[in-house]
Amino acid sequence: MLIRAFIPAHITAFFVPIIKEEPQLSGSLGAGINLDKGTNVFLNVEETTLERHVHVAFNGEPVDRENARITYHVAEKLIPEDFIGEVEVWQYFDFPNGYGFGNSAGGALGTALTLAYKFGGTLLQAAKIAHEAEVLYKGGLGDVVAQLTGGIEIRLKEGGPGEAIVDNILCEGYRVLVIPLGRLTTKDVLSSDIMEEIGNKGREAIDKLLKDPRPETLMYEARRFAESIGLMDDELIEIAKSIDKSLTLPSSMIMLGRGLFALVREEEVEKVRGVVLDLDLPFDIVNIYWGKPRVGRWIGSE
């Protein structure tokens, strides 16, 4: 039996990292957007061998334990100790790894949900293990709880699933333009000397968004945050200015990746598509994903 989970890609607009000794109390405040493209995880289990083996693949390519520590951590927590057999975890990503789309969390959460579906466990139990792995191996801090919520989310209280408080901005009529240009590793940024500035500017952005919780506020505060902390370089700023001429709301930088995103009204889609094509940049225009991740048996019909 093949089991499949879909986890939405998640873009962080701005954030405040909060790291504590206990992983379930660590997390982030902030806001972001879940997309209707993301990570598909397939699980295949064969209970016929004499030993236990776990195999992991990203986009069809086998990955060793060192390069998939988060996934292996999740697997070791959720596969029963007495299980003997082959466990295959196949993760397929719609967006490039390391570009700020929550792939690490998507892989962790998708793996956790498929294993819980197979061996027993609740969504919350599985999600807690995914968050733990993300924090321990510095994959991310707030993606798992955001992906569990869906939509345009505001993370009001830090922590893992069951600890964090996450709200939604209720709106309609927007699609999301994404321009992935390069990698920016969460681990490096979380270890850098701009952490204090990120925390200060992130709290300012959250305070303003909570006073006026609309998509417009989200995007204006996201742009102000990105420019003020110094991660949005001159090239990104120039591209953003070009794109903004065809949009009602400003674009901003994907946190944490070297790329841009924007909320696009339906009547703006074709115009902004033309601008990005003229700039000869990689891009996609996707829908906002409202709802929880999906998991269940897969028979190849989707």
Protein backbone atom coordinates (compact mmCIF):
# COMPACT_ATOMS: atom_id res chain seq x y z
CA MET A 1 0.00 0.00 0.00
CA LEU A 2 1.36 3.38 -1.05
CA ILE A 3 0.53 6.30 1.25
CA ARG A 4 0.72 9.91 0.12
CA ALA A 5 0.76 13.21 1.99
CA PHE A 6 0.56 16.70 0.53
CA ILE A 7 2.03 19.60 2.52
CA PRO A 8 1.64 23.14 1.18
CA ALA A 9 4.71 25.20 0.44
CA HIS A 10 5.03 28.04 2.94
CA ILE A 11 6.50 31.49 2.40
CA THR A 12 7.46 33.52 5.45
CA ALA A 13 6.90 37.26 5.05
CA PHE A 14 8.57 38.30 8.32
CA PHE A 15 9.46 36.55 11.54
CA VAL A 16 10.87 36.66 15.05
CA PRO A 17 12.93 33.55 15.90
CA ILE A 18 12.57 32.27 19.45
CA ILE A 19 14.90 29.42 20.38
CA LYS A 20 14.67 27.69 23.75
CA GLU A 21 16.23 24.58 25.23
CA GLU A 22 13.02 22.58 24.74
CA PRO A 23 12.26 22.13 20.99
CA GLN A 24 8.49 22.17 21.52
CA LEU A 25 8.76 25.61 23.14
CA SER A 26 10.96 26.95 20.34
CA GLY A 27 9.45 28.49 17.25
CA SER A 28 8.78 31.85 15.69
CA LEU A 29 6.33 34.71 15.64
CA GLY A 30 5.48 36.15 12.26
CA ALA A 31 3.28 35.82 9.22
CA GLY A 32 3.29 34.02 5.91
CA ILE A 33 1.37 32.42 3.07
CA ASN A 34 0.66 28.76 2.25
CA LEU A 35 0.61 27.78 -1.43
CA ASP A 36 -1.33 25.14 -3.35
CA LYS A 37 1.96 23.69 -4.59
CA GLY A 38 4.44 22.19 -2.17
CA THR A 39 5.75 18.81 -1.06
CA ASN A 40 4.31 15.40 -1.90
CA VAL A 41 5.59 12.54 0.24
CA PHE A 42 5.02 8.91 -0.70
CA LEU A 43 5.56 6.05 1.75
CA ASN A 44 6.01 2.43 0.77
CA VAL A 45 6.46 -0.27 3.43
CA GLU A 46 7.38 -3.90 2.79
CA GLU A 47 7.24 -6.20 5.82
CA THR A 48 9.06 -9.12 4.20
CA THR A 49 12.79 -8.79 4.97
CA LEU A 50 14.90 -9.99 7.86
CA GLU A 51 16.30 -6.55 8.73
CA ARG A 52 15.00 -3.01 8.98
CA HIS A 53 16.08 -0.54 6.33
CA VAL A 54 14.96 3.05 5.74
CA HIS A 55 15.50 4.59 2.32
CA VAL A 56 14.95 8.29 1.55
CA ALA A 57 14.83 10.00 -1.85
CA PHE A 58 14.41 13.65 -2.84
CA ASN A 59 12.84 14.18 -6.27
CA GLY A 60 13.62 10.58 -7.17
CA GLU A 61 17.28 10.67 -6.13
CA PRO A 62 18.46 8.58 -3.14
CA VAL A 63 19.76 10.66 -0.23
CA ASP A 64 22.10 9.44 2.51
CA ARG A 65 21.45 9.90 6.21
CA GLU A 66 23.80 12.90 6.55
CA ASN A 67 21.84 14.87 3.94
CA ALA A 68 18.42 13.82 5.22
CA ARG A 69 18.89 14.00 8.99
CA ILE A 70 15.48 15.57 9.58
CA THR A 71 13.65 12.83 7.69
CA TYR A 72 15.64 10.05 9.38
CA HIS A 73 14.95 11.57 12.80
CA VAL A 74 11.21 11.53 12.06
CA ALA A 75 11.38 7.96 10.78
CA GLU A 76 13.24 6.70 13.85
CA LYS A 77 10.62 8.28 16.12
CA LEU A 78 7.57 6.88 14.31
CA ILE A 79 8.58 3.45 13.04
CA PRO A 80 7.88 0.89 15.78
CA GLU A 81 11.00 -0.52 17.42
CA ASP A 82 9.98 -4.09 16.59
CA PHE A 83 9.27 -3.43 12.92
CA ILE A 84 11.28 -5.53 10.46
CA GLY A 85 11.18 -4.61 6.79
CA GLU A 86 11.83 -1.97 4.14
CA VAL A 87 10.59 1.60 4.54
CA GLU A 88 10.85 3.87 1.49
CA VAL A 89 10.20 7.61 1.80
CA TRP A 90 9.94 9.52 -1.48
CA GLN A 91 9.76 13.31 -1.23
CA TYR A 92 8.92 15.40 -4.29
CA PHE A 93 9.23 19.18 -4.13
CA ASP A 94 7.47 21.64 -6.44
CA PHE A 95 10.00 24.34 -5.54
CA PRO A 96 13.81 24.14 -5.18
CA ASN A 97 15.29 23.19 -1.82
CA GLY A 98 16.82 26.03 0.18
CA TYR A 99 14.84 28.74 -1.62
CA GLY A 100 12.46 29.58 1.25
CA PHE A 101 9.40 27.46 0.48
CA GLY A 102 9.36 25.36 3.64
CA ASN A 103 10.55 22.21 1.86
CA SER A 104 12.38 20.97 4.92
CA ALA A 105 9.25 21.20 7.05
CA GLY A 106 7.14 19.83 4.21
CA GLY A 107 9.34 16.76 3.99
CA ALA A 108 9.39 16.32 7.76
CA LEU A 109 5.64 16.76 8.21
CA GLY A 110 4.76 14.67 5.16
CA THR A 111 7.01 11.85 6.36
CA ALA A 112 5.53 12.06 9.86
CA LEU A 113 1.94 11.98 8.61
CA THR A 114 2.46 9.04 6.25
CA LEU A 115 4.24 7.03 8.94
CA ALA A 116 1.52 7.87 11.49
CA TYR A 117 -1.11 6.82 8.96
CA LYS A 118 0.68 3.50 8.45
CA PHE A 119 1.79 2.62 11.97
CA GLY A 120 -0.73 4.56 14.08
CA GLY A 121 -0.70 8.04 15.55
CA THR A 122 -2.59 11.33 15.43
CA LEU A 123 -1.94 14.38 13.33
CA LEU A 124 -0.80 16.30 16.41
CA GLN A 125 1.57 13.56 17.54
CA ALA A 126 3.11 13.34 14.09
CA ALA A 127 3.38 17.11 13.71
CA LYS A 128 5.16 17.47 17.06
CA ILE A 129 7.87 15.06 15.90
CA ALA A 130 8.25 16.94 12.61
CA HIS A 131 8.64 20.24 14.47
CA GLU A 132 11.15 18.69 16.88
CA ALA A 133 13.30 17.50 13.98
CA GLU A 134 13.11 20.90 12.30
CA VAL A 135 14.30 22.70 15.42
CA LEU A 136 17.03 20.21 16.35
CA TYR A 137 18.60 20.24 12.88
CA LYS A 138 17.87 23.92 12.14
CA GLY A 139 15.59 23.31 9.21
CA GLY A 140 13.16 25.98 10.39
CA LEU A 141 11.17 27.23 13.35
CA GLY A 142 7.64 28.14 12.29
CA ASP A 143 6.91 26.33 9.04
CA VAL A 144 5.31 23.21 10.52
CA VAL A 145 2.68 25.08 12.56
CA ALA A 146 2.03 27.39 9.60
CA GLN A 147 1.55 24.49 7.19
CA LEU A 148 -0.83 22.85 9.64
CA THR A 149 -2.97 26.00 9.57
CA GLY A 150 -2.98 26.94 5.89
CA GLY A 151 -4.02 30.21 4.31
CA ILE A 152 -2.39 33.53 5.15
CA GLU A 153 -1.34 32.91 8.72
CA ILE A 154 -0.16 34.99 11.67
CA ARG A 155 1.92 33.17 14.28
CA LEU A 156 0.91 34.84 17.54
CA LYS A 157 2.72 32.58 20.01
CA GLU A 158 5.85 30.58 19.41
CA GLY A 159 6.22 26.84 19.87
CA GLY A 160 5.47 23.58 18.18
CA PRO A 161 2.06 22.07 17.42
CA GLY A 162 -0.13 22.25 20.50
CA GLU A 163 1.96 25.09 21.92
CA ALA A 164 1.89 27.74 19.20
CA ILE A 165 -1.10 29.98 18.57
CA VAL A 166 -1.73 30.62 14.88
CA ASP A 167 -4.47 32.81 13.38
CA ASN A 168 -5.57 33.54 9.81
CA ILE A 169 -6.18 36.67 7.79
CA LEU A 170 -9.50 36.08 6.04
CA CYS A 171 -9.52 37.29 2.45
CA GLU A 172 -10.12 36.29 -1.16
CA GLY A 173 -9.25 37.45 -4.65
CA TYR A 174 -5.47 37.04 -4.48
CA ARG A 175 -3.01 34.71 -6.15
CA VAL A 176 0.69 34.53 -5.30
CA LEU A 177 3.59 35.36 -7.60
CA VAL A 178 6.85 33.65 -6.62
CA ILE A 179 10.27 34.31 -8.16
CA PRO A 180 12.84 31.80 -6.80
CA LEU A 181 16.35 33.03 -7.59
CA GLY A 182 18.70 31.28 -5.17
CA ARG A 183 19.44 29.68 -1.84
CA LEU A 184 19.65 31.25 1.58
CA THR A 185 20.03 28.67 4.32
CA THR A 186 17.99 29.03 7.49
CA LYS A 187 20.86 27.57 9.52
CA ASP A 188 23.28 30.29 8.37
CA VAL A 189 20.88 33.16 9.02
CA LEU A 190 19.89 31.83 12.46
CA SER A 191 23.59 31.76 13.33
CA SER A 192 24.36 35.25 11.99
CA ASP A 193 24.88 38.59 13.72
CA ILE A 194 21.63 40.13 12.39
CA MET A 195 19.42 38.05 14.68
CA GLU A 196 18.77 40.92 17.09
CA GLU A 197 17.74 43.22 14.25
CA ILE A 198 15.47 40.52 12.80
CA GLY A 199 13.79 40.17 16.20
CA ASN A 200 13.25 43.90 16.65
CA LYS A 201 11.95 44.58 13.15
CA GLY A 202 9.87 41.42 13.17
CA ARG A 203 8.04 42.45 16.34
CA GLU A 204 7.33 45.87 14.87
CA ALA A 205 5.83 44.24 11.77
CA ILE A 206 3.66 41.88 13.82
CA ASP A 207 2.35 44.71 16.00
CA LYS A 208 1.31 46.71 12.93
CA LEU A 209 -0.29 43.69 11.26
CA LEU A 210 -2.32 42.85 14.36
CA LYS A 211 -3.64 46.41 14.50
CA ASP A 212 -4.75 46.13 10.85
CA PRO A 213 -4.89 42.43 9.85
CA ARG A 214 -5.31 42.73 6.09
CA PRO A 215 -3.27 41.47 3.10
CA GLU A 216 -2.31 45.07 2.36
CA THR A 217 -0.68 45.48 5.77
CA LEU A 218 1.07 42.13 5.42
CA MET A 219 2.80 43.11 2.19
CA TYR A 220 3.77 46.64 3.23
CA GLU A 221 5.25 45.34 6.49
CA ALA A 222 6.96 42.43 4.71
CA ARG A 223 8.74 44.84 2.36
CA ARG A 224 9.72 47.19 5.18
CA PHE A 225 11.07 44.23 7.17
CA ALA A 226 13.07 42.78 4.26
CA GLU A 227 14.76 46.08 3.42
CA SER A 228 15.42 47.12 7.03
CA ILE A 229 17.27 43.93 8.08
CA GLY A 230 19.61 44.12 5.09
CA LEU A 231 18.90 40.73 3.48
CA MET A 232 17.19 42.23 0.43
CA ASP A 233 20.15 43.15 -1.80
CA ASP A 234 20.24 45.79 -4.56
CA GLU A 235 19.41 43.34 -7.33
CA LEU A 236 16.31 42.08 -5.53
CA ILE A 237 15.21 45.64 -4.79
CA GLU A 238 15.52 46.61 -8.48
CA ILE A 239 13.55 43.55 -9.59
CA ALA A 240 10.90 44.28 -6.97
CA LYS A 241 10.55 47.86 -8.19
CA SER A 242 10.01 46.64 -11.74
CA ILE A 243 7.35 44.18 -10.64
CA ASP A 244 5.61 46.65 -8.33
CA LYS A 245 4.71 48.91 -11.27
CA SER A 246 2.10 46.36 -12.35
CA LEU A 247 0.79 45.53 -8.85
CA THR A 248 -1.47 47.17 -6.30
CA LEU A 249 0.60 45.90 -3.36
CA PRO A 250 4.39 45.86 -3.02
CA SER A 251 6.33 42.64 -3.53
CA SER A 252 8.82 41.46 -0.93
CA MET A 253 11.60 38.99 -0.25
CA ILE A 254 10.95 35.34 0.55
CA MET A 255 12.17 34.53 4.06
CA LEU A 256 14.51 32.72 3.98
CA GLY A 257 15.52 32.43 0.36
CA ARG A 258 16.92 34.62 -2.34
CA GLY A 259 13.71 35.37 -4.16
CA LEU A 260 10.57 37.48 -4.25
CA PHE A 261 6.85 37.00 -3.74
CA ALA A 262 3.77 39.15 -4.21
CA LEU A 263 0.02 39.01 -3.74
CA VAL A 264 -1.59 39.48 -7.16
CA ARG A 265 -5.19 40.37 -7.91
CA GLU A 266 -6.79 38.36 -10.71
CA GLU A 267 -6.92 41.39 -13.02
CA GLU A 268 -3.17 41.94 -12.52
CA VAL A 269 -2.03 38.41 -13.40
CA GLU A 270 -1.41 38.81 -17.13
CA LYS A 271 0.32 42.16 -16.78
CA VAL A 272 2.74 41.00 -14.10
CA ARG A 273 3.34 37.77 -16.01
CA GLY A 274 4.48 39.86 -18.97
CA VAL A 275 6.82 41.93 -16.80
CA VAL A 276 8.50 38.86 -15.32
CA LEU A 277 8.83 37.23 -18.75
CA ASP A 278 10.50 40.40 -20.07
CA LEU A 279 12.93 40.24 -17.14
CA ASP A 280 13.67 36.60 -18.09
CA LEU A 281 13.27 35.34 -14.52
CA PRO A 282 12.01 31.98 -13.23
CA PHE A 283 8.54 32.37 -11.74
CA ASP A 284 5.21 30.78 -10.93
CA ILE A 285 1.77 32.14 -10.11
CA VAL A 286 -0.10 29.90 -7.69
CA ASN A 287 -3.16 29.89 -5.46
CA ILE A 288 -3.30 30.28 -1.70
CA TYR A 289 -3.87 26.93 0.02
CA TRP A 290 -6.60 27.02 2.65
CA GLY A 291 -6.86 24.00 4.91
CA LYS A 292 -4.80 21.29 6.56
CA PRO A 293 -2.28 18.95 4.94
CA ARG A 294 -3.75 15.85 3.30
CA VAL A 295 -2.77 12.21 3.89
CA GLY A 296 -4.22 8.88 2.79
CA ARG A 297 -3.86 5.87 0.51
CA TRP A 298 -2.66 6.65 -2.98
CA ILE A 299 -3.62 4.60 -6.01
CA GLY A 300 -2.22 6.78 -8.75
CA SER A 301 -5.42 8.54 -9.70
CA GLU A 302 -4.36 12.03 -8.54
